[in-house]
Every structure is written in structure tokens, then in C-alpha cells.
Amino acid sequence: MPPLQDLRPGESATLTEVHGQRSFRRRLLELGLVPGTEVRLLRHSRVHHLVEVEARGSRLSLRTSEAARLMVSAPKA
């Protein structure tokens, strides 16, 4: 299972696991990022170390280090 940060812009995948501290996992759950959620990577911002994703009709920006803790299924084009 690759981490979310490894997706290419435009690729979609299903969130399978969330790793990290309890407070981090709770924050993602509150944002709707729970296992089974379909996510689409919109873009990487290498300068600010961010990734922009779309999930459940909302756009979210996550730090690259946070996106590395989100495991996804094989990407769908």
C-alpha cells in the first residue's frame, strides 16, 4: 500500500489506513478522511511541502509528512 503522497496529480485511490498519533488521526476523522474514503490528489507544492487532495467534495491541504502517514489502495487513473 503506497502512501497518499506517492500519488500523481489527478490519480484517485481509496484510503486504507491512517498512521500517526491519536490527535492526528482524530483530526483527520473530523475532516472526513477515514478508511474507505475515496481521495484524489490534486497537486503537490514542493516549495511549501504540501499536497492538495479532494475527498467527499472538499479540498484539503496536508503537509507532505502527514500525507506519508495515509496509506491508500493502488491508484486509479
C-alpha atoms as a PDB file:
ATOM      1  CA  MET A   1       0.000   0.000   0.000  1.00  0.00           C
ATOM      2  CA  PRO A   2       1.579   3.280  -1.063  1.00  0.00           C
ATOM      3  CA  PRO A   3       1.261   6.471   0.960  1.00  0.00           C
ATOM      4  CA  LEU A   4      -1.005   9.250  -0.306  1.00  0.00           C
ATOM      5  CA  GLN A   5       1.970  11.473  -1.096  1.00  0.00           C
ATOM      6  CA  ASP A   6       3.139   8.988  -3.766  1.00  0.00           C
ATOM      7  CA  LEU A   7       0.073   9.530  -5.951  1.00  0.00           C
ATOM      8  CA  ARG A   8       0.483  11.662  -9.052  1.00  0.00           C
ATOM      9  CA  PRO A   9      -1.762  14.671  -9.654  1.00  0.00           C
ATOM     10  CA  GLY A  10      -5.144  13.504 -10.935  1.00  0.00           C
ATOM     11  CA  GLU A  11      -4.857   9.981  -9.507  1.00  0.00           C
ATOM     12  CA  SER A  12      -7.523   8.644  -7.145  1.00  0.00           C
ATOM     13  CA  ALA A  13      -7.311   5.899  -4.556  1.00  0.00           C
ATOM     14  CA  THR A  14      -9.158   4.597  -1.518  1.00  0.00           C
ATOM     15  CA  LEU A  15      -7.802   5.477   1.912  1.00  0.00           C
ATOM     16  CA  THR A  16      -6.992   2.209   3.680  1.00  0.00           C
ATOM     17  CA  GLU A  17      -5.017   3.094   6.829  1.00  0.00           C
ATOM     18  CA  VAL A  18      -4.156   6.157   8.896  1.00  0.00           C
ATOM     19  CA  HIS A  19      -0.952   6.063  10.949  1.00  0.00           C
ATOM     20  CA  GLY A  20       0.258   8.579  13.499  1.00  0.00           C
ATOM     21  CA  GLN A  21      -0.588   9.973  16.893  1.00  0.00           C
ATOM     22  CA  ARG A  22      -4.106   9.748  18.228  1.00  0.00           C
ATOM     23  CA  SER A  23      -4.703  13.526  17.935  1.00  0.00           C
ATOM     24  CA  PHE A  24      -3.621  13.444  14.275  1.00  0.00           C
ATOM     25  CA  ARG A  25      -5.923  10.520  13.464  1.00  0.00           C
ATOM     26  CA  ARG A  26      -8.827  12.229  15.256  1.00  0.00           C
ATOM     27  CA  ARG A  27      -8.299  15.461  13.297  1.00  0.00           C
ATOM     28  CA  LEU A  28      -8.397  13.562  10.004  1.00  0.00           C
ATOM     29  CA  LEU A  29     -11.512  11.700  11.073  1.00  0.00           C
ATOM     30  CA  GLU A  30     -13.192  15.043  11.826  1.00  0.00           C
ATOM     31  CA  LEU A  31     -12.241  16.195   8.316  1.00  0.00           C
ATOM     32  CA  GLY A  32     -13.838  13.075   6.827  1.00  0.00           C
ATOM     33  CA  LEU A  33     -10.636  11.215   5.986  1.00  0.00           C
ATOM     34  CA  VAL A  34     -11.496   7.770   7.300  1.00  0.00           C
ATOM     35  CA  PRO A  35     -10.573   4.366   5.850  1.00  0.00           C
ATOM     36  CA  GLY A  36     -12.770   3.610   2.851  1.00  0.00           C
ATOM     37  CA  THR A  37     -12.883   7.240   1.683  1.00  0.00           C
ATOM     38  CA  GLU A  38     -12.092   7.915  -1.965  1.00  0.00           C
ATOM     39  CA  VAL A  39      -9.347  10.578  -2.270  1.00  0.00           C
ATOM     40  CA  ARG A  40      -7.893  12.323  -5.315  1.00  0.00           C
ATOM     41  CA  LEU A  41      -4.531  14.053  -5.296  1.00  0.00           C
ATOM     42  CA  LEU A  42      -4.884  17.435  -6.977  1.00  0.00           C
ATOM     43  CA  ARG A  43      -1.343  18.783  -6.768  1.00  0.00           C
ATOM     44  CA  HIS A  44       1.999  18.760  -4.998  1.00  0.00           C
ATOM     45  CA  SER A  45       3.525  22.004  -3.748  1.00  0.00           C
ATOM     46  CA  ARG A  46       7.186  21.137  -3.337  1.00  0.00           C
ATOM     47  CA  VAL A  47       8.057  24.671  -2.226  1.00  0.00           C
ATOM     48  CA  HIS A  48       5.762  24.586   0.794  1.00  0.00           C
ATOM     49  CA  HIS A  49       5.873  20.796   1.265  1.00  0.00           C
ATOM     50  CA  LEU A  50       2.101  20.463   0.838  1.00  0.00           C
ATOM     51  CA  VAL A  51      -0.252  18.208  -1.081  1.00  0.00           C
ATOM     52  CA  GLU A  52      -3.760  19.238  -2.034  1.00  0.00           C
ATOM     53  CA  VAL A  53      -6.371  16.476  -2.024  1.00  0.00           C
ATOM     54  CA  GLU A  54     -10.072  16.196  -2.710  1.00  0.00           C
ATOM     55  CA  ALA A  55     -12.239  13.964  -0.535  1.00  0.00           C
ATOM     56  CA  ARG A  56     -16.004  13.921  -0.038  1.00  0.00           C
ATOM     57  CA  GLY A  57     -16.413  17.030  -2.186  1.00  0.00           C
ATOM     58  CA  SER A  58     -13.941  19.105  -0.147  1.00  0.00           C
ATOM     59  CA  ARG A  59     -10.396  20.197  -0.863  1.00  0.00           C
ATOM     60  CA  LEU A  60      -7.780  19.820   1.846  1.00  0.00           C
ATOM     61  CA  SER A  61      -4.122  20.728   2.089  1.00  0.00           C
ATOM     62  CA  LEU A  62      -1.875  18.407   4.064  1.00  0.00           C
ATOM     63  CA  ARG A  63       1.808  18.568   4.860  1.00  0.00           C
ATOM     64  CA  THR A  64       3.839  16.039   2.912  1.00  0.00           C
ATOM     65  CA  SER A  65       4.842  14.414   6.219  1.00  0.00           C
ATOM     66  CA  GLU A  66       1.139  13.993   7.103  1.00  0.00           C
ATOM     67  CA  ALA A  67       0.282  12.577   3.680  1.00  0.00           C
ATOM     68  CA  ALA A  68       3.053   9.996   4.194  1.00  0.00           C
ATOM     69  CA  ARG A  69       1.036   8.568   7.134  1.00  0.00           C
ATOM     70  CA  LEU A  70      -2.049   7.948   4.971  1.00  0.00           C
ATOM     71  CA  MET A  71      -1.923   4.593   3.181  1.00  0.00           C
ATOM     72  CA  VAL A  72      -4.051   4.172   0.071  1.00  0.00           C
ATOM     73  CA  SER A  73      -5.009   1.350  -2.286  1.00  0.00           C
ATOM     74  CA  ALA A  74      -3.492   1.089  -5.740  1.00  0.00           C
ATOM     75  CA  PRO A  75      -4.120   4.325  -7.649  1.00  0.00           C
ATOM     76  CA  LYS A  76      -6.948   4.647 -10.171  1.00  0.00           C
ATOM     77  CA  ALA A  77      -6.374   6.971 -13.126  1.00  0.00           C
END
